Amino acid sequence: MLELVSSVGIFVGSLLISRLTSIGSMRTVGAGLLLTGVFSFVVSLNPGLGLIAVALFVASAGNPIYAVANQTALMEAARPSARGSIMASRFGLVQTASVIGVAIGGVITNQFGPTAAYGFLGVGLVILAMYAIAAGRSTTNPLHGAAYEQATSRNGGTLNPHHDDGTIDDEAVDPANDEPNSMATGLHQAKT
C-alpha cells in the first residue's frame, strides 16, 4: 500500500511542478527538498499507519519538485555550449550519490531500523533545503543598488567587466587603473 501512496505522491508532485511559473529557481529546489525532508522526518517519528501514508504521500510529492527544479536551474544557468557536459556531470553525480545514499541508508536501517533511516534522510534534506533557499534569496546591497544577480547577468554571469567581445563595461572599471570599480552599481566586492 505504501508503494502506491508513494507513486501517487510522485505523480501529484509532477503535476504541481508543471503548474509553477518559476521552475528553475533555487527557492523552488529548496521548497521541494523541504517538503520531502520534513515529511520524511515525520515518517521517522513512527506514527500510525494512516499518518505514515499521508507523510509519505507529501514527501513523495516533493521529490519531483526538487528533481525538476534543480535540472531546470542548471540548464538556465549554463552557457549553451556547456549544457551537455554540465548535465552529464550532474547525471554522474546523481547516480553516485544514489548508490552512496542507498549504502548508507542500508547500514542505518540495519543498525537502527527503517525509522532511523527516514530520520537521517529528513534531517539531511532539511539542511540541503535551507542551503538552497538561502542561495535563492535576493542579495540586494543597500549601499550599491542592484542585486548580485543583476550585476552578474549583465556581464555574462561574472563580475568581470571585460566582455567576451573585447569590450569593457565602462561603469564597472576605474579608468585610472583598469580595475573594477567597487562603487559601480551592483559590484560590491571587497578589494584585496
N, C-alpha and C. Protein backbone atom coordinates (compact mmCIF):
# COMPACT_ATOMS: atom_id res chain seq x y z
N MET A 1 0.81 -1.19 0.00
CA MET A 1 0.00 0.00 0.00
C MET A 1 0.86 1.26 0.00
N LEU A 2 1.95 1.27 0.77
CA LEU A 2 2.79 2.46 0.85
C LEU A 2 3.50 2.75 -0.47
N GLU A 3 3.78 1.70 -1.27
CA GLU A 3 4.37 1.93 -2.59
C GLU A 3 3.39 2.67 -3.49
N LEU A 4 2.13 2.33 -3.40
CA LEU A 4 1.10 3.01 -4.18
C LEU A 4 0.97 4.46 -3.75
N VAL A 5 0.99 4.69 -2.45
CA VAL A 5 0.91 6.07 -1.92
C VAL A 5 2.10 6.88 -2.42
N SER A 6 3.28 6.28 -2.39
CA SER A 6 4.48 6.98 -2.87
C SER A 6 4.38 7.29 -4.36
N SER A 7 3.90 6.34 -5.15
CA SER A 7 3.75 6.55 -6.60
C SER A 7 2.75 7.66 -6.90
N VAL A 8 1.64 7.68 -6.19
CA VAL A 8 0.64 8.73 -6.40
C VAL A 8 1.22 10.08 -5.98
N GLY A 9 2.00 10.11 -4.90
CA GLY A 9 2.65 11.35 -4.47
C GLY A 9 3.61 11.89 -5.52
N ILE A 10 4.38 11.01 -6.14
CA ILE A 10 5.30 11.43 -7.20
C ILE A 10 4.52 11.99 -8.39
N PHE A 11 3.42 11.34 -8.73
CA PHE A 11 2.58 11.82 -9.84
C PHE A 11 2.02 13.20 -9.52
N VAL A 12 1.51 13.38 -8.31
CA VAL A 12 0.94 14.69 -7.91
C VAL A 12 2.04 15.76 -7.90
N GLY A 13 3.23 15.42 -7.40
CA GLY A 13 4.34 16.36 -7.42
C GLY A 13 4.73 16.76 -8.83
N SER A 14 4.68 15.81 -9.76
CA SER A 14 4.97 16.12 -11.16
C SER A 14 3.94 17.08 -11.74
N LEU A 15 2.69 16.90 -11.37
CA LEU A 15 1.65 17.83 -11.82
C LEU A 15 1.86 19.21 -11.21
N LEU A 16 2.24 19.25 -9.93
CA LEU A 16 2.47 20.54 -9.27
C LEU A 16 3.60 21.32 -9.92
N ILE A 17 4.70 20.65 -10.19
CA ILE A 17 5.85 21.35 -10.76
C ILE A 17 5.55 21.84 -12.17
N SER A 18 4.69 21.15 -12.88
CA SER A 18 4.34 21.60 -14.23
C SER A 18 3.47 22.85 -14.21
N ARG A 19 2.86 23.15 -13.09
CA ARG A 19 1.98 24.32 -12.97
C ARG A 19 2.71 25.56 -12.45
N LEU A 20 3.93 25.41 -11.94
CA LEU A 20 4.67 26.54 -11.40
C LEU A 20 5.22 27.41 -12.53
N THR A 21 5.30 28.70 -12.28
CA THR A 21 5.82 29.61 -13.29
C THR A 21 7.33 29.79 -13.18
N SER A 22 7.88 29.68 -11.99
CA SER A 22 9.31 29.85 -11.79
C SER A 22 9.91 28.52 -11.37
N ILE A 23 10.09 27.64 -12.32
CA ILE A 23 10.56 26.29 -12.01
C ILE A 23 12.04 26.28 -11.67
N GLY A 24 12.85 27.01 -12.40
CA GLY A 24 14.30 26.92 -12.27
C GLY A 24 14.92 27.78 -11.20
N SER A 25 14.22 28.09 -10.13
CA SER A 25 14.82 28.91 -9.08
C SER A 25 15.29 28.03 -7.93
N MET A 26 16.28 28.51 -7.22
CA MET A 26 16.79 27.77 -6.07
C MET A 26 15.73 27.70 -4.97
N ARG A 27 14.85 28.67 -4.92
CA ARG A 27 13.77 28.62 -3.93
C ARG A 27 12.84 27.45 -4.21
N THR A 28 12.57 27.16 -5.47
CA THR A 28 11.73 26.01 -5.82
C THR A 28 12.45 24.71 -5.45
N VAL A 29 13.74 24.65 -5.73
CA VAL A 29 14.54 23.48 -5.32
C VAL A 29 14.44 23.31 -3.80
N GLY A 30 14.63 24.41 -3.07
CA GLY A 30 14.56 24.37 -1.61
C GLY A 30 13.20 23.96 -1.10
N ALA A 31 12.15 24.43 -1.76
CA ALA A 31 10.79 24.07 -1.34
C ALA A 31 10.55 22.57 -1.50
N GLY A 32 10.99 22.00 -2.61
CA GLY A 32 10.84 20.56 -2.82
C GLY A 32 11.64 19.75 -1.81
N LEU A 33 12.89 20.18 -1.56
CA LEU A 33 13.72 19.49 -0.56
C LEU A 33 13.11 19.60 0.83
N LEU A 34 12.59 20.78 1.16
CA LEU A 34 12.00 20.98 2.48
C LEU A 34 10.75 20.12 2.66
N LEU A 35 9.92 20.08 1.63
CA LEU A 35 8.72 19.25 1.68
C LEU A 35 9.08 17.78 1.90
N THR A 36 10.02 17.28 1.11
CA THR A 36 10.43 15.89 1.24
C THR A 36 11.12 15.64 2.58
N GLY A 37 11.98 16.56 3.00
CA GLY A 37 12.72 16.38 4.24
C GLY A 37 11.85 16.39 5.48
N VAL A 38 10.97 17.37 5.59
CA VAL A 38 10.11 17.48 6.78
C VAL A 38 9.20 16.26 6.90
N PHE A 39 8.60 15.87 5.80
CA PHE A 39 7.65 14.76 5.88
C PHE A 39 8.36 13.40 5.95
N SER A 40 9.61 13.31 5.49
CA SER A 40 10.40 12.10 5.74
C SER A 40 10.72 11.99 7.23
N PHE A 41 11.00 13.14 7.84
CA PHE A 41 11.24 13.12 9.29
C PHE A 41 9.98 12.74 10.05
N VAL A 42 8.82 13.18 9.58
CA VAL A 42 7.55 12.79 10.22
C VAL A 42 7.39 11.27 10.18
N VAL A 43 7.76 10.65 9.05
CA VAL A 43 7.70 9.19 8.96
C VAL A 43 8.60 8.56 10.02
N SER A 44 9.75 9.18 10.29
CA SER A 44 10.69 8.62 11.27
C SER A 44 10.14 8.66 12.70
N LEU A 45 9.14 9.46 12.96
CA LEU A 45 8.56 9.53 14.31
C LEU A 45 7.67 8.33 14.61
N ASN A 46 7.48 7.48 13.61
CA ASN A 46 6.74 6.23 13.74
C ASN A 46 5.31 6.44 14.24
N PRO A 47 4.56 7.31 13.55
CA PRO A 47 3.15 7.48 13.92
C PRO A 47 2.34 6.29 13.41
N GLY A 48 1.05 6.38 13.49
CA GLY A 48 0.20 5.30 12.98
C GLY A 48 0.31 5.17 11.46
N LEU A 49 -0.20 4.07 10.95
CA LEU A 49 -0.10 3.78 9.52
C LEU A 49 -0.75 4.87 8.66
N GLY A 50 -1.88 5.41 9.09
CA GLY A 50 -2.56 6.46 8.34
C GLY A 50 -1.70 7.71 8.20
N LEU A 51 -1.08 8.14 9.28
CA LEU A 51 -0.22 9.33 9.23
C LEU A 51 1.05 9.06 8.44
N ILE A 52 1.58 7.84 8.53
CA ILE A 52 2.75 7.48 7.71
C ILE A 52 2.38 7.58 6.23
N ALA A 53 1.21 7.10 5.86
CA ALA A 53 0.78 7.17 4.46
C ALA A 53 0.65 8.61 4.00
N VAL A 54 0.08 9.49 4.82
CA VAL A 54 -0.06 10.90 4.45
C VAL A 54 1.33 11.55 4.34
N ALA A 55 2.20 11.30 5.32
CA ALA A 55 3.54 11.88 5.29
C ALA A 55 4.33 11.38 4.08
N LEU A 56 4.22 10.10 3.78
CA LEU A 56 4.92 9.54 2.62
C LEU A 56 4.39 10.13 1.31
N PHE A 57 3.08 10.35 1.25
CA PHE A 57 2.48 10.98 0.07
C PHE A 57 3.05 12.37 -0.15
N VAL A 58 3.09 13.19 0.89
CA VAL A 58 3.58 14.57 0.76
C VAL A 58 5.08 14.58 0.48
N ALA A 59 5.83 13.70 1.17
CA ALA A 59 7.27 13.62 0.92
C ALA A 59 7.55 13.21 -0.52
N SER A 60 6.77 12.28 -1.03
CA SER A 60 6.94 11.84 -2.42
C SER A 60 6.57 12.93 -3.41
N ALA A 61 5.62 13.77 -3.06
CA ALA A 61 5.24 14.89 -3.93
C ALA A 61 6.38 15.90 -4.03
N GLY A 62 7.17 16.05 -2.98
CA GLY A 62 8.30 16.98 -3.01
C GLY A 62 9.44 16.52 -3.89
N ASN A 63 9.57 15.20 -4.08
CA ASN A 63 10.68 14.65 -4.84
C ASN A 63 10.74 15.16 -6.28
N PRO A 64 9.68 15.08 -7.07
CA PRO A 64 9.79 15.62 -8.44
C PRO A 64 9.92 17.13 -8.47
N ILE A 65 9.46 17.81 -7.43
CA ILE A 65 9.59 19.27 -7.40
C ILE A 65 11.06 19.65 -7.38
N TYR A 66 11.84 19.07 -6.47
CA TYR A 66 13.25 19.45 -6.44
C TYR A 66 14.04 18.80 -7.58
N ALA A 67 13.63 17.63 -8.03
CA ALA A 67 14.36 16.97 -9.13
C ALA A 67 14.25 17.77 -10.43
N VAL A 68 13.06 18.23 -10.76
CA VAL A 68 12.87 19.00 -11.98
C VAL A 68 13.45 20.41 -11.82
N ALA A 69 13.25 21.01 -10.65
CA ALA A 69 13.71 22.38 -10.44
C ALA A 69 15.23 22.49 -10.50
N ASN A 70 15.96 21.51 -9.95
CA ASN A 70 17.42 21.64 -9.97
C ASN A 70 17.96 21.44 -11.38
N GLN A 71 17.34 20.55 -12.16
CA GLN A 71 17.77 20.39 -13.56
C GLN A 71 17.50 21.65 -14.35
N THR A 72 16.34 22.25 -14.13
CA THR A 72 15.98 23.47 -14.85
C THR A 72 16.91 24.62 -14.46
N ALA A 73 17.22 24.72 -13.18
CA ALA A 73 18.13 25.78 -12.72
C ALA A 73 19.51 25.63 -13.36
N LEU A 74 20.00 24.41 -13.44
CA LEU A 74 21.30 24.18 -14.08
C LEU A 74 21.26 24.54 -15.56
N MET A 75 20.20 24.14 -16.24
CA MET A 75 20.09 24.45 -17.67
C MET A 75 20.01 25.95 -17.91
N GLU A 76 19.29 26.67 -17.06
CA GLU A 76 19.16 28.10 -17.24
C GLU A 76 20.45 28.85 -16.91
N ALA A 77 21.24 28.32 -15.98
CA ALA A 77 22.46 28.99 -15.56
C ALA A 77 23.64 28.70 -16.49
N ALA A 78 23.60 27.59 -17.19
CA ALA A 78 24.73 27.17 -18.02
C ALA A 78 24.73 27.87 -19.38
N ARG A 79 25.93 28.11 -19.87
CA ARG A 79 26.07 28.60 -21.24
C ARG A 79 25.61 27.51 -22.18
N PRO A 80 25.02 27.85 -23.31
CA PRO A 80 24.54 26.82 -24.24
C PRO A 80 25.63 25.83 -24.66
N SER A 81 26.85 26.29 -24.80
CA SER A 81 27.92 25.39 -25.24
C SER A 81 28.36 24.42 -24.15
N ALA A 82 28.03 24.71 -22.89
CA ALA A 82 28.47 23.86 -21.78
C ALA A 82 27.34 23.00 -21.21
N ARG A 83 26.14 23.16 -21.71
CA ARG A 83 24.99 22.47 -21.11
C ARG A 83 25.12 20.95 -21.14
N GLY A 84 25.59 20.40 -22.23
CA GLY A 84 25.72 18.95 -22.33
C GLY A 84 26.67 18.39 -21.30
N SER A 85 27.83 18.99 -21.15
CA SER A 85 28.81 18.47 -20.18
C SER A 85 28.34 18.71 -18.75
N ILE A 86 27.64 19.80 -18.51
CA ILE A 86 27.13 20.07 -17.17
C ILE A 86 26.05 19.05 -16.79
N MET A 87 25.15 18.77 -17.72
CA MET A 87 24.09 17.80 -17.42
C MET A 87 24.66 16.39 -17.31
N ALA A 88 25.69 16.07 -18.09
CA ALA A 88 26.33 14.76 -17.96
C ALA A 88 27.01 14.64 -16.59
N SER A 89 27.65 15.71 -16.15
CA SER A 89 28.28 15.70 -14.82
C SER A 89 27.22 15.57 -13.73
N ARG A 90 26.11 16.27 -13.89
CA ARG A 90 25.03 16.17 -12.92
C ARG A 90 24.49 14.75 -12.86
N PHE A 91 24.31 14.13 -14.02
CA PHE A 91 23.81 12.75 -14.06
C PHE A 91 24.77 11.81 -13.33
N GLY A 92 26.06 11.96 -13.58
CA GLY A 92 27.05 11.12 -12.89
C GLY A 92 27.04 11.33 -11.39
N LEU A 93 26.93 12.58 -10.96
CA LEU A 93 26.88 12.87 -9.52
C LEU A 93 25.61 12.30 -8.88
N VAL A 94 24.48 12.42 -9.56
CA VAL A 94 23.23 11.90 -9.02
C VAL A 94 23.30 10.37 -8.89
N GLN A 95 23.84 9.71 -9.90
CA GLN A 95 23.96 8.25 -9.83
C GLN A 95 24.89 7.82 -8.71
N THR A 96 26.01 8.52 -8.57
CA THR A 96 26.97 8.21 -7.50
C THR A 96 26.34 8.46 -6.14
N ALA A 97 25.66 9.59 -5.98
CA ALA A 97 25.01 9.91 -4.71
C ALA A 97 23.92 8.90 -4.39
N SER A 98 23.22 8.41 -5.42
CA SER A 98 22.17 7.42 -5.18
C SER A 98 22.74 6.12 -4.64
N VAL A 99 23.84 5.68 -5.21
CA VAL A 99 24.48 4.44 -4.74
C VAL A 99 24.99 4.62 -3.32
N ILE A 100 25.65 5.74 -3.06
CA ILE A 100 26.18 6.00 -1.71
C ILE A 100 25.03 6.15 -0.72
N GLY A 101 23.96 6.84 -1.11
CA GLY A 101 22.80 7.01 -0.24
C GLY A 101 22.14 5.69 0.12
N VAL A 102 22.00 4.82 -0.86
CA VAL A 102 21.40 3.50 -0.59
C VAL A 102 22.29 2.71 0.34
N ALA A 103 23.60 2.77 0.15
CA ALA A 103 24.53 2.04 1.02
C ALA A 103 24.46 2.55 2.46
N ILE A 104 24.50 3.87 2.61
CA ILE A 104 24.44 4.45 3.96
C ILE A 104 23.07 4.18 4.58
N GLY A 105 22.00 4.34 3.79
CA GLY A 105 20.66 4.03 4.29
C GLY A 105 20.52 2.58 4.72
N GLY A 106 21.16 1.67 3.99
CA GLY A 106 21.12 0.25 4.36
C GLY A 106 21.83 -0.01 5.67
N VAL A 107 22.96 0.64 5.87
CA VAL A 107 23.69 0.46 7.14
C VAL A 107 22.87 1.03 8.30
N ILE A 108 22.31 2.21 8.11
CA ILE A 108 21.49 2.83 9.17
C ILE A 108 20.26 1.96 9.46
N THR A 109 19.61 1.47 8.41
CA THR A 109 18.44 0.61 8.59
C THR A 109 18.82 -0.67 9.32
N ASN A 110 19.95 -1.25 8.95
CA ASN A 110 20.40 -2.49 9.59
C ASN A 110 20.74 -2.28 11.06
N GLN A 111 21.35 -1.18 11.37
CA GLN A 111 21.78 -0.91 12.76
C GLN A 111 20.66 -0.37 13.64
N PHE A 112 19.84 0.54 13.09
CA PHE A 112 18.88 1.26 13.93
C PHE A 112 17.42 1.11 13.51
N GLY A 113 17.17 0.56 12.34
CA GLY A 113 15.80 0.37 11.88
C GLY A 113 15.41 1.37 10.81
N PRO A 114 14.30 1.10 10.11
CA PRO A 114 13.89 1.97 8.99
C PRO A 114 13.47 3.38 9.42
N THR A 115 12.91 3.52 10.61
CA THR A 115 12.50 4.87 11.02
C THR A 115 13.72 5.77 11.22
N ALA A 116 14.83 5.21 11.67
CA ALA A 116 16.06 6.00 11.82
C ALA A 116 16.58 6.45 10.46
N ALA A 117 16.46 5.57 9.47
CA ALA A 117 16.91 5.96 8.12
C ALA A 117 16.08 7.12 7.59
N TYR A 118 14.77 7.08 7.83
CA TYR A 118 13.92 8.21 7.42
C TYR A 118 14.29 9.47 8.20
N GLY A 119 14.65 9.32 9.44
CA GLY A 119 15.06 10.48 10.24
C GLY A 119 16.32 11.12 9.70
N PHE A 120 17.35 10.30 9.41
CA PHE A 120 18.58 10.83 8.83
C PHE A 120 18.32 11.48 7.48
N LEU A 121 17.50 10.85 6.65
CA LEU A 121 17.14 11.41 5.35
C LEU A 121 16.45 12.76 5.52
N GLY A 122 15.48 12.82 6.43
CA GLY A 122 14.74 14.05 6.66
C GLY A 122 15.62 15.18 7.11
N VAL A 123 16.49 14.92 8.08
CA VAL A 123 17.38 15.98 8.59
C VAL A 123 18.34 16.44 7.50
N GLY A 124 18.90 15.50 6.75
CA GLY A 124 19.81 15.87 5.66
C GLY A 124 19.14 16.71 4.60
N LEU A 125 17.92 16.34 4.23
CA LEU A 125 17.21 17.10 3.20
C LEU A 125 16.80 18.49 3.69
N VAL A 126 16.44 18.60 4.96
CA VAL A 126 16.10 19.92 5.51
C VAL A 126 17.32 20.83 5.50
N ILE A 127 18.49 20.29 5.83
CA ILE A 127 19.72 21.09 5.78
C ILE A 127 20.01 21.53 4.35
N LEU A 128 19.88 20.63 3.38
CA LEU A 128 20.06 21.00 1.98
C LEU A 128 19.03 22.03 1.54
N ALA A 129 17.79 21.89 2.02
CA ALA A 129 16.73 22.84 1.67
C ALA A 129 17.07 24.24 2.18
N MET A 130 17.57 24.32 3.40
CA MET A 130 17.93 25.64 3.94
C MET A 130 19.04 26.27 3.10
N TYR A 131 20.00 25.47 2.66
CA TYR A 131 21.06 25.99 1.82
C TYR A 131 20.50 26.47 0.48
N ALA A 132 19.63 25.67 -0.13
CA ALA A 132 19.05 26.06 -1.43
C ALA A 132 18.20 27.32 -1.31
N ILE A 133 17.42 27.42 -0.26
CA ILE A 133 16.60 28.61 -0.07
C ILE A 133 17.48 29.84 0.16
N ALA A 134 18.54 29.68 0.95
CA ALA A 134 19.45 30.80 1.18
C ALA A 134 20.16 31.19 -0.10
N ALA A 135 20.52 30.23 -0.93
CA ALA A 135 21.20 30.53 -2.20
C ALA A 135 20.26 31.24 -3.17
N GLY A 136 18.95 31.06 -3.01
CA GLY A 136 17.99 31.67 -3.92
C GLY A 136 17.43 32.99 -3.46
N ARG A 137 17.88 33.47 -2.30
CA ARG A 137 17.31 34.72 -1.79
C ARG A 137 17.88 35.91 -2.55
N SER A 138 17.18 37.02 -2.48
CA SER A 138 17.63 38.25 -3.11
C SER A 138 18.79 38.81 -2.31
N THR A 139 19.82 39.25 -3.02
CA THR A 139 21.00 39.76 -2.33
C THR A 139 21.27 41.21 -2.72
N THR A 140 20.24 42.04 -2.62
CA THR A 140 20.41 43.44 -2.95
C THR A 140 21.26 44.12 -1.89
N ASN A 141 22.29 44.78 -2.32
CA ASN A 141 23.16 45.51 -1.41
C ASN A 141 22.60 46.92 -1.28
N PRO A 142 22.19 47.34 -0.09
CA PRO A 142 21.58 48.65 0.07
C PRO A 142 22.54 49.81 -0.22
N LEU A 143 23.85 49.57 -0.16
CA LEU A 143 24.81 50.64 -0.41
C LEU A 143 25.04 50.88 -1.90
N HIS A 144 24.91 49.84 -2.69
CA HIS A 144 25.28 49.95 -4.11
C HIS A 144 24.13 49.76 -5.08
N GLY A 145 22.99 49.31 -4.61
CA GLY A 145 21.85 49.24 -5.50
C GLY A 145 21.50 47.86 -6.00
N ALA A 146 21.91 47.54 -7.21
CA ALA A 146 21.43 46.35 -7.91
C ALA A 146 21.78 45.07 -7.18
N ALA A 147 20.94 44.10 -7.37
CA ALA A 147 21.19 42.79 -6.77
C ALA A 147 22.37 42.13 -7.45
N TYR A 148 23.00 41.22 -6.74
CA TYR A 148 24.14 40.48 -7.27
C TYR A 148 23.77 39.79 -8.58
N GLU A 149 22.57 39.22 -8.62
CA GLU A 149 22.14 38.50 -9.82
C GLU A 149 22.09 39.44 -11.03
N GLN A 150 21.62 40.67 -10.82
CA GLN A 150 21.54 41.62 -11.92
C GLN A 150 22.93 42.05 -12.37
N ALA A 151 23.83 42.24 -11.42
CA ALA A 151 25.18 42.65 -11.76
C ALA A 151 25.90 41.56 -12.54
N THR A 152 25.71 40.33 -12.16
CA THR A 152 26.40 39.25 -12.85
C THR A 152 25.76 38.94 -14.19
N SER A 153 24.45 39.07 -14.30
CA SER A 153 23.80 38.74 -15.57
C SER A 153 24.15 39.74 -16.66
N ARG A 154 24.41 40.98 -16.32
CA ARG A 154 24.74 41.95 -17.36
C ARG A 154 26.16 41.74 -17.87
N ASN A 155 26.99 41.00 -17.13
CA ASN A 155 28.36 40.72 -17.55
C ASN A 155 28.53 39.27 -17.95
N GLY A 156 27.47 38.63 -18.37
CA GLY A 156 27.58 37.26 -18.84
C GLY A 156 27.80 36.26 -17.73
N GLY A 157 27.36 36.56 -16.53
CA GLY A 157 27.44 35.60 -15.43
C GLY A 157 28.65 35.77 -14.54
N THR A 158 29.48 36.80 -14.78
CA THR A 158 30.64 37.00 -13.92
C THR A 158 30.70 38.46 -13.51
N LEU A 159 31.53 38.74 -12.52
CA LEU A 159 31.75 40.12 -12.12
C LEU A 159 32.89 40.74 -12.92
N ASN A 160 33.40 40.03 -13.91
CA ASN A 160 34.46 40.52 -14.75
C ASN A 160 33.91 41.61 -15.67
N PRO A 161 34.50 42.81 -15.66
CA PRO A 161 33.99 43.89 -16.51
C PRO A 161 34.35 43.72 -17.98
N HIS A 162 35.23 42.77 -18.30
CA HIS A 162 35.65 42.52 -19.68
C HIS A 162 34.67 41.53 -20.31
N HIS A 163 34.00 41.93 -21.39
CA HIS A 163 33.04 41.08 -22.07
C HIS A 163 33.75 40.17 -23.07
N ASP A 164 33.06 39.13 -23.51
CA ASP A 164 33.63 38.17 -24.46
C ASP A 164 34.01 38.82 -25.79
N ASP A 165 33.32 39.89 -26.17
CA ASP A 165 33.60 40.53 -27.46
C ASP A 165 34.73 41.55 -27.38
N GLY A 166 35.43 41.62 -26.24
CA GLY A 166 36.57 42.52 -26.09
C GLY A 166 36.24 43.88 -25.51
N THR A 167 34.96 44.21 -25.37
CA THR A 167 34.58 45.50 -24.80
C THR A 167 34.66 45.43 -23.29
N ILE A 168 34.71 46.60 -22.68
CA ILE A 168 34.80 46.70 -21.22
C ILE A 168 33.60 47.48 -20.72
N ASP A 169 32.99 47.02 -19.66
CA ASP A 169 31.86 47.70 -19.04
C ASP A 169 32.39 48.97 -18.38
N ASP A 170 32.09 50.14 -18.96
CA ASP A 170 32.66 51.40 -18.50
C ASP A 170 32.36 51.71 -17.05
N GLU A 171 31.13 51.49 -16.61
CA GLU A 171 30.80 51.88 -15.24
C GLU A 171 31.35 50.91 -14.21
N ALA A 172 31.87 49.78 -14.64
CA ALA A 172 32.41 48.80 -13.71
C ALA A 172 33.92 48.88 -13.61
N VAL A 173 34.57 49.77 -14.38
CA VAL A 173 36.03 49.85 -14.40
C VAL A 173 36.46 51.26 -14.05
N ASP A 174 37.44 51.36 -13.16
CA ASP A 174 38.04 52.64 -12.82
C ASP A 174 39.02 52.99 -13.93
N PRO A 175 38.81 54.09 -14.67
CA PRO A 175 39.67 54.38 -15.82
C PRO A 175 41.12 54.63 -15.44
N ALA A 176 41.40 55.00 -14.20
CA ALA A 176 42.77 55.30 -13.80
C ALA A 176 43.66 54.06 -13.77
N ASN A 177 43.09 52.92 -13.39
CA ASN A 177 43.95 51.75 -13.27
C ASN A 177 43.36 50.49 -13.89
N ASP A 178 42.30 50.61 -14.68
CA ASP A 178 41.65 49.48 -15.36
C ASP A 178 41.24 48.38 -14.37
N GLU A 179 40.94 48.76 -13.15
CA GLU A 179 40.48 47.83 -12.12
C GLU A 179 38.97 47.94 -11.97
N PRO A 180 38.31 46.88 -11.54
CA PRO A 180 36.87 47.00 -11.28
C PRO A 180 36.59 48.07 -10.24
N ASN A 181 35.58 48.88 -10.49
CA ASN A 181 35.20 49.95 -9.59
C ASN A 181 34.18 49.41 -8.60
N SER A 182 34.55 49.36 -7.33
CA SER A 182 33.66 48.78 -6.33
C SER A 182 32.44 49.66 -6.07
N MET A 183 32.45 50.90 -6.54
CA MET A 183 31.30 51.79 -6.33
C MET A 183 30.30 51.69 -7.47
N ALA A 184 30.62 50.93 -8.52
CA ALA A 184 29.68 50.79 -9.64
C ALA A 184 28.46 50.03 -9.17
N THR A 185 27.33 50.32 -9.78
CA THR A 185 26.08 49.70 -9.39
C THR A 185 26.17 48.19 -9.48
N GLY A 186 25.86 47.52 -8.38
CA GLY A 186 25.81 46.06 -8.37
C GLY A 186 27.12 45.40 -8.08
N LEU A 187 28.24 46.09 -8.21
CA LEU A 187 29.54 45.47 -7.96
C LEU A 187 29.97 45.86 -6.56
N HIS A 188 29.87 44.95 -5.66
CA HIS A 188 30.19 45.26 -4.27
C HIS A 188 31.14 44.23 -3.71
N GLN A 189 32.25 44.03 -4.42
CA GLN A 189 33.28 43.14 -3.94
C GLN A 189 34.30 43.94 -3.14
N ALA A 190 34.85 43.30 -2.14
CA ALA A 190 35.93 43.94 -1.40
C ALA A 190 37.20 43.81 -2.21
N LYS A 191 37.98 44.89 -2.26
CA LYS A 191 39.24 44.86 -2.99
C LYS A 191 40.31 44.23 -2.09
N THR A 192 41.05 43.29 -2.66
CA THR A 192 42.09 42.63 -1.84
C THR A 192 43.46 43.04 -2.27
